[in-house]
C-alpha atoms as a PDB file:
ATOM      1  CA  UNK A   1      96.926 108.604 101.807  1.00  0.00           C
ATOM      2  CA  UNK A   2      96.619 104.916 102.649  1.00  0.00           C
ATOM      3  CA  UNK A   3      97.330 102.014 100.345  1.00  0.00           C
ATOM      4  CA  UNK A   4      94.626  99.447  99.743  1.00  0.00           C
ATOM      5  CA  UNK A   5      95.395  96.240 101.608  1.00  0.00           C
ATOM      6  CA  UNK A   6      95.647  93.056  99.565  1.00  0.00           C
ATOM      7  CA  UNK A   7      98.618  93.466  97.246  1.00  0.00           C
ATOM      8  CA  UNK A   8      98.903  94.451  93.617  1.00  0.00           C
ATOM      9  CA  UNK A   9      95.306  93.653  92.625  1.00  0.00           C
ATOM     10  CA  UNK A  10      93.798  95.725  95.438  1.00  0.00           C
ATOM     11  CA  UNK A  11      96.231  98.590  94.854  1.00  0.00           C
ATOM     12  CA  UNK A  12      95.582  98.600  91.104  1.00  0.00           C
ATOM     13  CA  UNK A  13      91.812  98.688  91.604  1.00  0.00           C
ATOM     14  CA  UNK A  14      92.118 101.493  94.139  1.00  0.00           C
ATOM     15  CA  UNK A  15      94.394 103.402  91.757  1.00  0.00           C
ATOM     16  CA  UNK A  16      91.892 103.204  88.905  1.00  0.00           C
ATOM     17  CA  UNK A  17      88.989 104.060  91.234  1.00  0.00           C
ATOM     18  CA  UNK A  18      90.938 107.145  92.350  1.00  0.00           C
ATOM     19  CA  UNK A  19      91.724 108.140  88.770  1.00  0.00           C
ATOM     20  CA  UNK A  20      88.059 107.712  87.871  1.00  0.00           C
ATOM     21  CA  UNK A  21      87.005 110.027  90.710  1.00  0.00           C
ATOM     22  CA  UNK A  22      89.508 112.710  89.698  1.00  0.00           C
ATOM     23  CA  UNK A  23      88.353 112.514  86.085  1.00  0.00           C
ATOM     24  CA  UNK A  24      84.686 112.700  87.130  1.00  0.00           C
ATOM     25  CA  UNK A  25      85.403 115.861  89.127  1.00  0.00           C
ATOM     26  CA  UNK A  26      86.477 117.412  85.828  1.00  0.00           C
ATOM     27  CA  UNK A  27      83.609 116.109  83.720  1.00  0.00           C
ATOM     28  CA  UNK A  28      85.594 113.207  82.266  1.00  0.00           C
ATOM     29  CA  UNK A  29      85.628 109.434  82.642  1.00  0.00           C
ATOM     30  CA  UNK A  30      88.000 106.548  82.064  1.00  0.00           C
ATOM     31  CA  UNK A  31      86.638 106.424  78.494  1.00  0.00           C
ATOM     32  CA  UNK A  32      88.437 109.746  77.922  1.00  0.00           C
ATOM     33  CA  UNK A  33      91.847 108.317  78.864  1.00  0.00           C
ATOM     34  CA  UNK A  34      94.162 108.215  75.861  1.00  0.00           C
ATOM     35  CA  UNK A  35      97.443 107.191  77.510  1.00  0.00           C
ATOM     36  CA  UNK A  36      98.455 105.353  80.674  1.00  0.00           C
ATOM     37  CA  UNK A  37     101.941 105.145  82.172  1.00  0.00           C
ATOM     38  CA  UNK A  38     102.384 102.343  84.696  1.00  0.00           C
ATOM     39  CA  UNK A  39     105.144 102.004  87.262  1.00  0.00           C
ATOM     40  CA  UNK A  40     105.405  98.665  89.060  1.00  0.00           C
ATOM     41  CA  UNK A  41     107.612  97.903  92.043  1.00  0.00           C
ATOM     42  CA  UNK A  42     107.942  94.370  90.642  1.00  0.00           C
ATOM     43  CA  UNK A  43     107.464  93.643  86.938  1.00  0.00           C
ATOM     44  CA  UNK A  44     106.459  90.096  87.892  1.00  0.00           C
ATOM     45  CA  UNK A  45     103.147  91.705  88.950  1.00  0.00           C
ATOM     46  CA  UNK A  46     102.423  92.698  85.336  1.00  0.00           C
ATOM     47  CA  UNK A  47      99.983  89.838  84.568  1.00  0.00           C
ATOM     48  CA  UNK A  48      97.875  90.547  87.682  1.00  0.00           C
ATOM     49  CA  UNK A  49      97.971  94.284  87.031  1.00  0.00           C
ATOM     50  CA  UNK A  50      96.948  93.706  83.421  1.00  0.00           C
ATOM     51  CA  UNK A  51      93.901  91.681  84.544  1.00  0.00           C
ATOM     52  CA  UNK A  52      92.738  94.658  86.607  1.00  0.00           C
ATOM     53  CA  UNK A  53      93.512  97.056  83.745  1.00  0.00           C
ATOM     54  CA  UNK A  54      91.087  95.105  81.549  1.00  0.00           C
ATOM     55  CA  UNK A  55      88.358  95.571  84.197  1.00  0.00           C
ATOM     56  CA  UNK A  56      88.572  99.351  83.765  1.00  0.00           C
ATOM     57  CA  UNK A  57      89.408  99.809  80.074  1.00  0.00           C
ATOM     58  CA  UNK A  58      88.271  98.281  76.799  1.00  0.00           C
ATOM     59  CA  UNK A  59      88.975  98.678  73.106  1.00  0.00           C
ATOM     60  CA  UNK A  60      90.067 101.015  71.768  1.00  0.00           C
ATOM     61  CA  UNK A  61      92.715 100.654  74.456  1.00  0.00           C
ATOM     62  CA  UNK A  62      94.592 103.721  75.673  1.00  0.00           C
ATOM     63  CA  UNK A  63      98.237 103.830  74.621  1.00  0.00           C
ATOM     64  CA  UNK A  64     100.308 102.376  77.440  1.00  0.00           C
ATOM     65  CA  UNK A  65     103.838 102.119  78.703  1.00  0.00           C
ATOM     66  CA  UNK A  66     105.108 100.317  81.769  1.00  0.00           C
ATOM     67  CA  UNK A  67     108.354 100.038  83.631  1.00  0.00           C
ATOM     68  CA  UNK A  68     109.738  98.722  86.882  1.00  0.00           C
ATOM     69  CA  UNK A  69     110.503 101.273  89.568  1.00  0.00           C
ATOM     70  CA  UNK A  70     111.598 101.161  93.148  1.00  0.00           C
ATOM     71  CA  UNK A  71     110.794 103.622  95.876  1.00  0.00           C
ATOM     72  CA  UNK A  72     107.198 104.340  94.811  1.00  0.00           C
ATOM     73  CA  UNK A  73     105.290 106.731  97.070  1.00  0.00           C
ATOM     74  CA  UNK A  74     104.138 105.234 100.385  1.00  0.00           C
ATOM     75  CA  UNK A  75     105.842 101.957  99.471  1.00  0.00           C
ATOM     76  CA  UNK A  76     103.186 101.262  96.845  1.00  0.00           C
ATOM     77  CA  UNK A  77     103.370  98.328  94.448  1.00  0.00           C
ATOM     78  CA  UNK A  78     101.904 100.361  91.581  1.00  0.00           C
ATOM     79  CA  UNK A  79     101.657 103.947  90.435  1.00  0.00           C
ATOM     80  CA  UNK A  80      99.724 105.069  87.370  1.00  0.00           C
ATOM     81  CA  UNK A  81      99.641 108.289  85.387  1.00  0.00           C
ATOM     82  CA  UNK A  82      96.622 108.683  83.135  1.00  0.00           C
ATOM     83  CA  UNK A  83      96.259 111.271  80.394  1.00  0.00           C
ATOM     84  CA  UNK A  84      92.717 112.135  79.325  1.00  0.00           C
ATOM     85  CA  UNK A  85      91.331 114.321  76.549  1.00  0.00           C
ATOM     86  CA  UNK A  86      87.981 116.045  76.694  1.00  0.00           C
ATOM     87  CA  UNK A  87      86.221 115.330  73.410  1.00  0.00           C
END
């Protein structure tokens, strides 16, 4: 329940690491993600977030939507919902 220190890049990496652990606990991986919904406290962080996104995903890219939001949990800069399908 603590945010990674270091801003949007650190928070994005921690978010995807967390998602990866949850998926692994259910026999899935990030390769099984088919859709990602991204909420950013500041849309100006999109380019930096997108760089991190490309560290965790590759083609064929999951479908994705993103929007700016305020009041994210714990004062976070990013929140991500990932939808995975067991194949």
